[in-house]
Amino acid sequence: MSGWYEISQAKDGQYRFVLKAGNGEIIINSELYKAKASAVNGIESVQKNSAEDGRYERLTAKNGKPYFNLKAANHQIIGTSQFYASEQSRDKGIESVKNNGASTTIKDQTV
């Protein structure tokens, strides 16, 4: 089963999306957007940029846990991963985004 996107609405009315792998695990989270259309644009940006390795920023949090950001061509962050136990796990997360990012399945949880 391939991955999919889910759009949801926060308590303050803003929108966000997540990309889930085929097993239902969240692999990236978006920022909050004021408009649903902006969240949809963010999904389109992930679809366009997820296959390019150079779009991934591999980082380590202050707590020592590896994570990554997916960036658009304009260097804006499109999505951020969870914290991983190892760099190897983070790199598998990146591969999962590469494999699932082109998905056109969008589950709108706001309707």
PDB file of N, CA and C in Angstrom:
ATOM      1  N   MET A   1       0.845  -1.188   0.000  1.00  0.00           N
ATOM      2  CA  MET A   1       0.000   0.000   0.000  1.00  0.00           C
ATOM      3  C   MET A   1       0.884   1.243   0.000  1.00  0.00           C
ATOM      4  N   SER A   2       0.543   2.170  -0.851  1.00  0.00           N
ATOM      5  CA  SER A   2       1.351   3.393  -0.902  1.00  0.00           C
ATOM      6  C   SER A   2       0.829   4.410   0.108  1.00  0.00           C
ATOM      7  N   GLY A   3       1.609   5.443   0.294  1.00  0.00           N
ATOM      8  CA  GLY A   3       1.288   6.461   1.279  1.00  0.00           C
ATOM      9  C   GLY A   3       0.190   7.401   0.831  1.00  0.00           C
ATOM     10  N   TRP A   4      -0.161   8.311   1.729  1.00  0.00           N
ATOM     11  CA  TRP A   4      -1.195   9.301   1.441  1.00  0.00           C
ATOM     12  C   TRP A   4      -0.989  10.525   2.329  1.00  0.00           C
ATOM     13  N   TYR A   5      -1.700  11.566   1.966  1.00  0.00           N
ATOM     14  CA  TYR A   5      -1.695  12.814   2.723  1.00  0.00           C
ATOM     15  C   TYR A   5      -2.999  12.921   3.503  1.00  0.00           C
ATOM     16  N   GLU A   6      -2.921  13.548   4.657  1.00  0.00           N
ATOM     17  CA  GLU A   6      -4.119  13.882   5.419  1.00  0.00           C
ATOM     18  C   GLU A   6      -4.064  15.362   5.761  1.00  0.00           C
ATOM     19  N   ILE A   7      -5.162  16.052   5.490  1.00  0.00           N
ATOM     20  CA  ILE A   7      -5.308  17.459   5.869  1.00  0.00           C
ATOM     21  C   ILE A   7      -6.228  17.503   7.084  1.00  0.00           C
ATOM     22  N   SER A   8      -5.813  18.243   8.094  1.00  0.00           N
ATOM     23  CA  SER A   8      -6.641  18.404   9.287  1.00  0.00           C
ATOM     24  C   SER A   8      -6.633  19.863   9.719  1.00  0.00           C
ATOM     25  N   GLN A   9      -7.528  20.164  10.653  1.00  0.00           N
ATOM     26  CA  GLN A   9      -7.650  21.528  11.144  1.00  0.00           C
ATOM     27  C   GLN A   9      -7.329  21.553  12.631  1.00  0.00           C
ATOM     28  N   ALA A  10      -6.488  22.504  13.035  1.00  0.00           N
ATOM     29  CA  ALA A  10      -6.125  22.670  14.439  1.00  0.00           C
ATOM     30  C   ALA A  10      -7.262  23.370  15.181  1.00  0.00           C
ATOM     31  N   LYS A  11      -7.189  23.345  16.501  1.00  0.00           N
ATOM     32  CA  LYS A  11      -8.236  23.970  17.321  1.00  0.00           C
ATOM     33  C   LYS A  11      -8.375  25.462  17.042  1.00  0.00           C
ATOM     34  N   ASP A  12      -7.278  26.099  16.624  1.00  0.00           N
ATOM     35  CA  ASP A  12      -7.328  27.537  16.350  1.00  0.00           C
ATOM     36  C   ASP A  12      -7.811  27.850  14.932  1.00  0.00           C
ATOM     37  N   GLY A  13      -8.227  26.816  14.183  1.00  0.00           N
ATOM     38  CA  GLY A  13      -8.776  27.029  12.847  1.00  0.00           C
ATOM     39  C   GLY A  13      -7.768  26.931  11.723  1.00  0.00           C
ATOM     40  N   GLN A  14      -6.491  26.807  12.043  1.00  0.00           N
ATOM     41  CA  GLN A  14      -5.475  26.684  11.002  1.00  0.00           C
ATOM     42  C   GLN A  14      -5.421  25.250  10.485  1.00  0.00           C
ATOM     43  N   TYR A  15      -4.799  25.090   9.320  1.00  0.00           N
ATOM     44  CA  TYR A  15      -4.732  23.797   8.652  1.00  0.00           C
ATOM     45  C   TYR A  15      -3.309  23.269   8.642  1.00  0.00           C
ATOM     46  N   ARG A  16      -3.205  21.937   8.589  1.00  0.00           N
ATOM     47  CA  ARG A  16      -1.902  21.283   8.474  1.00  0.00           C
ATOM     48  C   ARG A  16      -2.102  20.018   7.662  1.00  0.00           C
ATOM     49  N   PHE A  17      -0.994  19.491   7.168  1.00  0.00           N
ATOM     50  CA  PHE A  17      -1.070  18.180   6.532  1.00  0.00           C
ATOM     51  C   PHE A  17       0.052  17.308   7.059  1.00  0.00           C
ATOM     52  N   VAL A  18      -0.156  16.012   6.942  1.00  0.00           N
ATOM     53  CA  VAL A  18       0.875  15.023   7.230  1.00  0.00           C
ATOM     54  C   VAL A  18       0.968  14.108   6.016  1.00  0.00           C
ATOM     55  N   LEU A  19       2.143  13.560   5.818  1.00  0.00           N
ATOM     56  CA  LEU A  19       2.335  12.495   4.837  1.00  0.00           C
ATOM     57  C   LEU A  19       2.508  11.218   5.623  1.00  0.00           C
ATOM     58  N   LYS A  20       1.672  10.222   5.295  1.00  0.00           N
ATOM     59  CA  LYS A  20       1.752   8.930   5.974  1.00  0.00           C
ATOM     60  C   LYS A  20       2.278   7.879   5.012  1.00  0.00           C
ATOM     61  N   ALA A  21       3.092   6.983   5.544  1.00  0.00           N
ATOM     62  CA  ALA A  21       3.580   5.843   4.770  1.00  0.00           C
ATOM     63  C   ALA A  21       2.446   4.827   4.640  1.00  0.00           C
ATOM     64  N   GLY A  22       2.644   3.842   3.809  1.00  0.00           N
ATOM     65  CA  GLY A  22       1.642   2.815   3.591  1.00  0.00           C
ATOM     66  C   GLY A  22       1.200   2.087   4.851  1.00  0.00           C
ATOM     67  N   ASN A  23       2.053   2.071   5.875  1.00  0.00           N
ATOM     68  CA  ASN A  23       1.713   1.412   7.142  1.00  0.00           C
ATOM     69  C   ASN A  23       0.986   2.349   8.106  1.00  0.00           C
ATOM     70  N   GLY A  24       0.696   3.590   7.658  1.00  0.00           N
ATOM     71  CA  GLY A  24      -0.030   4.544   8.488  1.00  0.00           C
ATOM     72  C   GLY A  24       0.833   5.415   9.376  1.00  0.00           C
ATOM     73  N   GLU A  25       2.151   5.195   9.369  1.00  0.00           N
ATOM     74  CA  GLU A  25       3.067   6.011  10.181  1.00  0.00           C
ATOM     75  C   GLU A  25       3.254   7.386   9.540  1.00  0.00           C
ATOM     76  N   ILE A  26       3.214   8.428  10.356  1.00  0.00           N
ATOM     77  CA  ILE A  26       3.472   9.783   9.860  1.00  0.00           C
ATOM     78  C   ILE A  26       4.956   9.916   9.569  1.00  0.00           C
ATOM     79  N   ILE A  27       5.290  10.389   8.344  1.00  0.00           N
ATOM     80  CA  ILE A  27       6.703  10.562   8.009  1.00  0.00           C
ATOM     81  C   ILE A  27       7.112  12.024   7.906  1.00  0.00           C
ATOM     82  N   ILE A  28       6.169  12.922   7.608  1.00  0.00           N
ATOM     83  CA  ILE A  28       6.461  14.355   7.755  1.00  0.00           C
ATOM     84  C   ILE A  28       5.195  15.099   8.174  1.00  0.00           C
ATOM     85  N   ASN A  29       5.420  16.191   8.895  1.00  0.00           N
ATOM     86  CA  ASN A  29       4.371  17.113   9.329  1.00  0.00           C
ATOM     87  C   ASN A  29       4.623  18.462   8.680  1.00  0.00           C
ATOM     88  N   SER A  30       3.543  19.139   8.325  1.00  0.00           N
ATOM     89  CA  SER A  30       3.688  20.487   7.777  1.00  0.00           C
ATOM     90  C   SER A  30       3.621  21.520   8.893  1.00  0.00           C
ATOM     91  N   GLU A  31       3.869  22.750   8.503  1.00  0.00           N
ATOM     92  CA  GLU A  31       3.620  23.867   9.400  1.00  0.00           C
ATOM     93  C   GLU A  31       2.104  24.110   9.417  1.00  0.00           C
ATOM     94  N   LEU A  32       1.658  25.082  10.204  1.00  0.00           N
ATOM     95  CA  LEU A  32       0.252  25.480  10.206  1.00  0.00           C
ATOM     96  C   LEU A  32       0.024  26.533   9.130  1.00  0.00           C
ATOM     97  N   TYR A  33      -1.108  26.418   8.455  1.00  0.00           N
ATOM     98  CA  TYR A  33      -1.490  27.359   7.401  1.00  0.00           C
ATOM     99  C   TYR A  33      -2.821  27.996   7.759  1.00  0.00           C
ATOM    100  N   LYS A  34      -2.978  29.276   7.438  1.00  0.00           N
ATOM    101  CA  LYS A  34      -4.231  29.979   7.710  1.00  0.00           C
ATOM    102  C   LYS A  34      -5.356  29.510   6.789  1.00  0.00           C
ATOM    103  N   ALA A  35      -5.016  29.112   5.571  1.00  0.00           N
ATOM    104  CA  ALA A  35      -6.018  28.695   4.589  1.00  0.00           C
ATOM    105  C   ALA A  35      -5.787  27.250   4.155  1.00  0.00           C
ATOM    106  N   LYS A  36      -6.885  26.550   3.923  1.00  0.00           N
ATOM    107  CA  LYS A  36      -6.799  25.172   3.455  1.00  0.00           C
ATOM    108  C   LYS A  36      -6.078  25.096   2.116  1.00  0.00           C
ATOM    109  N   ALA A  37      -6.321  26.080   1.239  1.00  0.00           N
ATOM    110  CA  ALA A  37      -5.660  26.104  -0.072  1.00  0.00           C
ATOM    111  C   ALA A  37      -4.141  26.142   0.081  1.00  0.00           C
ATOM    112  N   SER A  38      -3.648  26.807   1.115  1.00  0.00           N
ATOM    113  CA  SER A  38      -2.206  26.856   1.355  1.00  0.00           C
ATOM    114  C   SER A  38      -1.671  25.487   1.753  1.00  0.00           C
ATOM    115  N   ALA A  39      -2.444  24.730   2.528  1.00  0.00           N
ATOM    116  CA  ALA A  39      -2.035  23.364   2.888  1.00  0.00           C
ATOM    117  C   ALA A  39      -1.989  22.489   1.640  1.00  0.00           C
ATOM    118  N   VAL A  40      -2.970  22.657   0.754  1.00  0.00           N
ATOM    119  CA  VAL A  40      -2.983  21.904  -0.505  1.00  0.00           C
ATOM    120  C   VAL A  40      -1.764  22.270  -1.345  1.00  0.00           C
ATOM    121  N   ASN A  41      -1.402  23.547  -1.373  1.00  0.00           N
ATOM    122  CA  ASN A  41      -0.192  23.975  -2.086  1.00  0.00           C
ATOM    123  C   ASN A  41       1.049  23.331  -1.477  1.00  0.00           C
ATOM    124  N   GLY A  42       1.065  23.191  -0.152  1.00  0.00           N
ATOM    125  CA  GLY A  42       2.189  22.529   0.522  1.00  0.00           C
ATOM    126  C   GLY A  42       2.304  21.075   0.096  1.00  0.00           C
ATOM    127  N   ILE A  43       1.171  20.392  -0.022  1.00  0.00           N
ATOM    128  CA  ILE A  43       1.170  19.003  -0.492  1.00  0.00           C
ATOM    129  C   ILE A  43       1.735  18.940  -1.903  1.00  0.00           C
ATOM    130  N   GLU A  44       1.296  19.855  -2.764  1.00  0.00           N
ATOM    131  CA  GLU A  44       1.801  19.882  -4.141  1.00  0.00           C
ATOM    132  C   GLU A  44       3.309  20.102  -4.160  1.00  0.00           C
ATOM    133  N   SER A  45       3.808  20.900  -3.235  1.00  0.00           N
ATOM    134  CA  SER A  45       5.243  21.146  -3.160  1.00  0.00           C
ATOM    135  C   SER A  45       5.993  19.889  -2.726  1.00  0.00           C
ATOM    136  N   VAL A  46       5.424  19.128  -1.787  1.00  0.00           N
ATOM    137  CA  VAL A  46       6.046  17.861  -1.396  1.00  0.00           C
ATOM    138  C   VAL A  46       6.064  16.916  -2.592  1.00  0.00           C
ATOM    139  N   GLN A  47       4.948  16.849  -3.306  1.00  0.00           N
ATOM    140  CA  GLN A  47       4.867  15.964  -4.471  1.00  0.00           C
ATOM    141  C   GLN A  47       5.967  16.299  -5.483  1.00  0.00           C
ATOM    142  N   LYS A  48       6.240  17.583  -5.667  1.00  0.00           N
ATOM    143  CA  LYS A  48       7.254  18.028  -6.639  1.00  0.00           C
ATOM    144  C   LYS A  48       8.681  17.823  -6.147  1.00  0.00           C
ATOM    145  N   ASN A  49       8.912  18.026  -4.861  1.00  0.00           N
ATOM    146  CA  ASN A  49      10.278  18.087  -4.331  1.00  0.00           C
ATOM    147  C   ASN A  49      10.776  16.829  -3.627  1.00  0.00           C
ATOM    148  N   SER A  50       9.885  15.919  -3.289  1.00  0.00           N
ATOM    149  CA  SER A  50      10.281  14.790  -2.445  1.00  0.00           C
ATOM    150  C   SER A  50      11.261  13.821  -3.094  1.00  0.00           C
ATOM    151  N   ALA A  51      11.300  13.757  -4.412  1.00  0.00           N
ATOM    152  CA  ALA A  51      12.196  12.802  -5.077  1.00  0.00           C
ATOM    153  C   ALA A  51      13.647  13.272  -5.120  1.00  0.00           C
ATOM    154  N   GLU A  52      13.891  14.568  -4.889  1.00  0.00           N
ATOM    155  CA  GLU A  52      15.239  15.133  -5.020  1.00  0.00           C
ATOM    156  C   GLU A  52      16.001  15.090  -3.690  1.00  0.00           C
ATOM    157  N   ASP A  53      17.081  14.341  -3.658  1.00  0.00           N
ATOM    158  CA  ASP A  53      17.853  14.191  -2.425  1.00  0.00           C
ATOM    159  C   ASP A  53      18.366  15.526  -1.893  1.00  0.00           C
ATOM    160  N   GLY A  54      18.701  16.438  -2.780  1.00  0.00           N
ATOM    161  CA  GLY A  54      19.228  17.733  -2.367  1.00  0.00           C
ATOM    162  C   GLY A  54      18.231  18.607  -1.634  1.00  0.00           C
ATOM    163  N   ARG A  55      16.975  18.229  -1.626  1.00  0.00           N
ATOM    164  CA  ARG A  55      15.927  19.001  -0.943  1.00  0.00           C
ATOM    165  C   ARG A  55      15.821  18.647   0.549  1.00  0.00           C
ATOM    166  N   TYR A  56      16.578  17.631   0.974  1.00  0.00           N
ATOM    167  CA  TYR A  56      16.503  17.189   2.370  1.00  0.00           C
ATOM    168  C   TYR A  56      17.629  17.795   3.190  1.00  0.00           C
ATOM    169  N   GLU A  57      17.254  18.390   4.295  1.00  0.00           N
ATOM    170  CA  GLU A  57      18.206  18.957   5.239  1.00  0.00           C
ATOM    171  C   GLU A  57      18.287  17.980   6.422  1.00  0.00           C
ATOM    172  N   ARG A  58      19.427  17.332   6.553  1.00  0.00           N
ATOM    173  CA  ARG A  58      19.637  16.343   7.616  1.00  0.00           C
ATOM    174  C   ARG A  58      20.191  17.058   8.843  1.00  0.00           C
ATOM    175  N   LEU A  59      19.482  16.965   9.954  1.00  0.00           N
ATOM    176  CA  LEU A  59      19.808  17.742  11.145  1.00  0.00           C
ATOM    177  C   LEU A  59      19.855  16.863  12.390  1.00  0.00           C
ATOM    178  N   THR A  60      20.392  17.444  13.460  1.00  0.00           N
ATOM    179  CA  THR A  60      20.384  16.804  14.768  1.00  0.00           C
ATOM    180  C   THR A  60      19.825  17.811  15.764  1.00  0.00           C
ATOM    181  N   ALA A  61      18.826  17.391  16.515  1.00  0.00           N
ATOM    182  CA  ALA A  61      18.188  18.259  17.513  1.00  0.00           C
ATOM    183  C   ALA A  61      19.113  18.465  18.706  1.00  0.00           C
ATOM    184  N   LYS A  62      18.756  19.424  19.551  1.00  0.00           N
ATOM    185  CA  LYS A  62      19.543  19.698  20.750  1.00  0.00           C
ATOM    186  C   LYS A  62      19.642  18.489  21.666  1.00  0.00           C
ATOM    187  N   ASN A  63      18.632  17.611  21.601  1.00  0.00           N
ATOM    188  CA  ASN A  63      18.652  16.409  22.432  1.00  0.00           C
ATOM    189  C   ASN A  63      19.454  15.273  21.802  1.00  0.00           C
ATOM    190  N   GLY A  64      20.116  15.557  20.662  1.00  0.00           N
ATOM    191  CA  GLY A  64      20.961  14.568  20.005  1.00  0.00           C
ATOM    192  C   GLY A  64      20.232  13.659  19.023  1.00  0.00           C
ATOM    193  N   LYS A  65      18.929  13.852  18.866  1.00  0.00           N
ATOM    194  CA  LYS A  65      18.141  12.990  17.981  1.00  0.00           C
ATOM    195  C   LYS A  65      18.170  13.517  16.543  1.00  0.00           C
ATOM    196  N   PRO A  66      18.457  12.651  15.583  1.00  0.00           N
ATOM    197  CA  PRO A  66      18.448  13.052  14.172  1.00  0.00           C
ATOM    198  C   PRO A  66      17.019  13.273  13.668  1.00  0.00           C
ATOM    199  N   TYR A  67      16.875  14.217  12.751  1.00  0.00           N
ATOM    200  CA  TYR A  67      15.607  14.467  12.069  1.00  0.00           C
ATOM    201  C   TYR A  67      15.921  15.141  10.743  1.00  0.00           C
ATOM    202  N   PHE A  68      14.901  15.419   9.949  1.00  0.00           N
ATOM    203  CA  PHE A  68      15.138  16.092   8.680  1.00  0.00           C
ATOM    204  C   PHE A  68      14.009  17.056   8.339  1.00  0.00           C
ATOM    205  N   ASN A  69      14.349  18.012   7.503  1.00  0.00           N
ATOM    206  CA  ASN A  69      13.378  18.915   6.883  1.00  0.00           C
ATOM    207  C   ASN A  69      13.406  18.662   5.387  1.00  0.00           C
ATOM    208  N   LEU A  70      12.236  18.738   4.763  1.00  0.00           N
ATOM    209  CA  LEU A  70      12.134  18.746   3.305  1.00  0.00           C
ATOM    210  C   LEU A  70      11.910  20.186   2.905  1.00  0.00           C
ATOM    211  N   LYS A  71      12.744  20.671   1.990  1.00  0.00           N
ATOM    212  CA  LYS A  71      12.670  22.074   1.569  1.00  0.00           C
ATOM    213  C   LYS A  71      12.294  22.189   0.098  1.00  0.00           C
ATOM    214  N   ALA A  72      11.615  23.275  -0.214  1.00  0.00           N
ATOM    215  CA  ALA A  72      11.256  23.586  -1.600  1.00  0.00           C
ATOM    216  C   ALA A  72      12.449  24.244  -2.293  1.00  0.00           C
ATOM    217  N   ALA A  73      12.301  24.483  -3.578  1.00  0.00           N
ATOM    218  CA  ALA A  73      13.373  25.110  -4.353  1.00  0.00           C
ATOM    219  C   ALA A  73      13.739  26.486  -3.793  1.00  0.00           C
ATOM    220  N   ASN A  74      12.782  27.176  -3.170  1.00  0.00           N
ATOM    221  CA  ASN A  74      13.046  28.503  -2.590  1.00  0.00           C
ATOM    222  C   ASN A  74      13.610  28.406  -1.175  1.00  0.00           C
ATOM    223  N   HIS A  75      13.955  27.198  -0.742  1.00  0.00           N
ATOM    224  CA  HIS A  75      14.579  26.906   0.555  1.00  0.00           C
ATOM    225  C   HIS A  75      13.622  26.999   1.737  1.00  0.00           C
ATOM    226  N   GLN A  76      12.320  27.158   1.475  1.00  0.00           N
ATOM    227  CA  GLN A  76      11.355  27.153   2.566  1.00  0.00           C
ATOM    228  C   GLN A  76      11.087  25.709   2.989  1.00  0.00           C
ATOM    229  N   ILE A  77      10.907  25.513   4.288  1.00  0.00           N
ATOM    230  CA  ILE A  77      10.610  24.177   4.806  1.00  0.00           C
ATOM    231  C   ILE A  77       9.175  23.814   4.446  1.00  0.00           C
ATOM    232  N   ILE A  78       9.010  22.652   3.826  1.00  0.00           N
ATOM    233  CA  ILE A  78       7.683  22.156   3.472  1.00  0.00           C
ATOM    234  C   ILE A  78       7.181  21.202   4.559  1.00  0.00           C
ATOM    235  N   GLY A  79       8.081  20.389   5.081  1.00  0.00           N
ATOM    236  CA  GLY A  79       7.695  19.415   6.090  1.00  0.00           C
ATOM    237  C   GLY A  79       8.874  19.036   6.960  1.00  0.00           C
ATOM    238  N   THR A  80       8.560  18.600   8.176  1.00  0.00           N
ATOM    239  CA  THR A  80       9.572  18.209   9.156  1.00  0.00           C
ATOM    240  C   THR A  80       9.251  16.803   9.665  1.00  0.00           C
ATOM    241  N   SER A  81      10.287  16.019   9.844  1.00  0.00           N
ATOM    242  CA  SER A  81      10.104  14.646  10.324  1.00  0.00           C
ATOM    243  C   SER A  81       9.999  14.611  11.842  1.00  0.00           C
ATOM    244  N   GLN A  82       9.740  13.425  12.330  1.00  0.00           N
ATOM    245  CA  GLN A  82       9.834  13.140  13.757  1.00  0.00           C
ATOM    246  C   GLN A  82      11.313  13.064  14.139  1.00  0.00           C
ATOM    247  N   PHE A  83      11.599  12.895  15.424  1.00  0.00           N
ATOM    248  CA  PHE A  83      12.955  12.618  15.862  1.00  0.00           C
ATOM    249  C   PHE A  83      13.185  11.114  15.752  1.00  0.00           C
ATOM    250  N   TYR A  84      14.383  10.738  15.318  1.00  0.00           N
ATOM    251  CA  TYR A  84      14.735   9.335  15.138  1.00  0.00           C
ATOM    252  C   TYR A  84      15.792   8.922  16.143  1.00  0.00           C
ATOM    253  N   ALA A  85      15.894   7.605  16.361  1.00  0.00           N
ATOM    254  CA  ALA A  85      16.869   7.063  17.309  1.00  0.00           C
ATOM    255  C   ALA A  85      18.280   7.069  16.736  1.00  0.00           C
ATOM    256  N   SER A  86      18.412   7.045  15.401  1.00  0.00           N
ATOM    257  CA  SER A  86      19.736   6.997  14.784  1.00  0.00           C
ATOM    258  C   SER A  86      19.702   7.698  13.424  1.00  0.00           C
ATOM    259  N   GLU A  87      20.881   8.024  12.925  1.00  0.00           N
ATOM    260  CA  GLU A  87      20.971   8.620  11.591  1.00  0.00           C
ATOM    261  C   GLU A  87      20.488   7.638  10.526  1.00  0.00           C
ATOM    262  N   GLN A  88      20.746   6.361  10.746  1.00  0.00           N
ATOM    263  CA  GLN A  88      20.290   5.336   9.808  1.00  0.00           C
ATOM    264  C   GLN A  88      18.753   5.326   9.740  1.00  0.00           C
ATOM    265  N   SER A  89      18.092   5.439  10.880  1.00  0.00           N
ATOM    266  CA  SER A  89      16.624   5.485  10.905  1.00  0.00           C
ATOM    267  C   SER A  89      16.119   6.740  10.201  1.00  0.00           C
ATOM    268  N   ARG A  90      16.796   7.874  10.439  1.00  0.00           N
ATOM    269  CA  ARG A  90      16.422   9.113   9.755  1.00  0.00           C
ATOM    270  C   ARG A  90      16.539   8.939   8.258  1.00  0.00           C
ATOM    271  N   ASP A  91      17.618   8.333   7.790  1.00  0.00           N
ATOM    272  CA  ASP A  91      17.815   8.144   6.357  1.00  0.00           C
ATOM    273  C   ASP A  91      16.744   7.235   5.760  1.00  0.00           C
ATOM    274  N   LYS A  92      16.266   6.250   6.536  1.00  0.00           N
ATOM    275  CA  LYS A  92      15.151   5.413   6.085  1.00  0.00           C
ATOM    276  C   LYS A  92      13.870   6.245   5.989  1.00  0.00           C
ATOM    277  N   GLY A  93      13.709   7.194   6.911  1.00  0.00           N
ATOM    278  CA  GLY A  93      12.558   8.098   6.860  1.00  0.00           C
ATOM    279  C   GLY A  93      12.581   8.939   5.599  1.00  0.00           C
ATOM    280  N   ILE A  94      13.762   9.423   5.229  1.00  0.00           N
ATOM    281  CA  ILE A  94      13.909  10.198   3.991  1.00  0.00           C
ATOM    282  C   ILE A  94      13.541   9.333   2.793  1.00  0.00           C
ATOM    283  N   GLU A  95      14.021   8.099   2.769  1.00  0.00           N
ATOM    284  CA  GLU A  95      13.683   7.189   1.667  1.00  0.00           C
ATOM    285  C   GLU A  95      12.179   6.951   1.600  1.00  0.00           C
ATOM    286  N   SER A  96      11.534   6.889   2.752  1.00  0.00           N
ATOM    287  CA  SER A  96      10.091   6.701   2.786  1.00  0.00           C
ATOM    288  C   SER A  96       9.361   7.905   2.187  1.00  0.00           C
ATOM    289  N   VAL A  97       9.836   9.118   2.485  1.00  0.00           N
ATOM    290  CA  VAL A  97       9.235  10.311   1.878  1.00  0.00           C
ATOM    291  C   VAL A  97       9.461  10.289   0.372  1.00  0.00           C
ATOM    292  N   LYS A  98      10.662   9.919  -0.052  1.00  0.00           N
ATOM    293  CA  LYS A  98      10.933   9.823  -1.494  1.00  0.00           C
ATOM    294  C   LYS A  98       9.978   8.835  -2.165  1.00  0.00           C
ATOM    295  N   ASN A  99       9.717   7.710  -1.501  1.00  0.00           N
ATOM    296  CA  ASN A  99       8.859   6.676  -2.072  1.00  0.00           C
ATOM    297  C   ASN A  99       7.375   7.022  -2.024  1.00  0.00           C
ATOM    298  N   ASN A 100       6.949   7.775  -1.019  1.00  0.00           N
ATOM    299  CA  ASN A 100       5.526   8.059  -0.817  1.00  0.00           C
ATOM    300  C   ASN A 100       5.110   9.476  -1.178  1.00  0.00           C
ATOM    301  N   GLY A 101       6.081  10.359  -1.361  1.00  0.00           N
ATOM    302  CA  GLY A 101       5.772  11.773  -1.565  1.00  0.00           C
ATOM    303  C   GLY A 101       4.988  12.086  -2.825  1.00  0.00           C
ATOM    304  N   ALA A 102       5.121  11.272  -3.850  1.00  0.00           N
ATOM    305  CA  ALA A 102       4.416  11.532  -5.111  1.00  0.00           C
ATOM    306  C   ALA A 102       2.948  11.115  -5.057  1.00  0.00           C
ATOM    307  N   SER A 103       2.522  10.542  -3.957  1.00  0.00           N
ATOM    308  CA  SER A 103       1.136  10.078  -3.827  1.00  0.00           C
ATOM    309  C   SER A 103       0.148  11.194  -4.161  1.00  0.00           C
ATOM    310  N   THR A 104      -0.923  10.833  -4.835  1.00  0.00           N
ATOM    311  CA  THR A 104      -1.977  11.801  -5.144  1.00  0.00           C
ATOM    312  C   THR A 104      -3.204  11.581  -4.265  1.00  0.00           C
ATOM    313  N   THR A 105      -3.108  10.657  -3.312  1.00  0.00           N
ATOM    314  CA  THR A 105      -4.221  10.389  -2.404  1.00  0.00           C
ATOM    315  C   THR A 105      -4.191  11.409  -1.270  1.00  0.00           C
ATOM    316  N   ILE A 106      -5.270  12.172  -1.160  1.00  0.00           N
ATOM    317  CA  ILE A 106      -5.389  13.176  -0.107  1.00  0.00           C
ATOM    318  C   ILE A 106      -6.676  12.893   0.659  1.00  0.00           C
ATOM    319  N   LYS A 107      -6.545  12.643   1.947  1.00  0.00           N
ATOM    320  CA  LYS A 107      -7.698  12.406   2.813  1.00  0.00           C
ATOM    321  C   LYS A 107      -7.961  13.680   3.601  1.00  0.00           C
ATOM    322  N   ASP A 108      -9.071  14.312   3.297  1.00  0.00           N
ATOM    323  CA  ASP A 108      -9.422  15.586   3.925  1.00  0.00           C
ATOM    324  C   ASP A 108     -10.228  15.308   5.196  1.00  0.00           C
ATOM    325  N   GLN A 109      -9.606  15.543   6.340  1.00  0.00           N
ATOM    326  CA  GLN A 109     -10.255  15.303   7.628  1.00  0.00           C
ATOM    327  C   GLN A 109     -11.082  16.513   8.090  1.00  0.00           C
ATOM    328  N   THR A 110     -11.158  17.560   7.267  1.00  0.00           N
ATOM    329  CA  THR A 110     -11.838  18.790   7.676  1.00  0.00           C
ATOM    330  C   THR A 110     -13.278  18.845   7.204  1.00  0.00           C
ATOM    331  N   VAL A 111     -13.692  17.877   6.398  1.00  0.00           N
ATOM    332  CA  VAL A 111     -15.073  17.912   5.867  1.00  0.00           C
ATOM    333  C   VAL A 111     -15.991  16.966   6.609  1.00  0.00           C
TER     334      VAL A 111
END
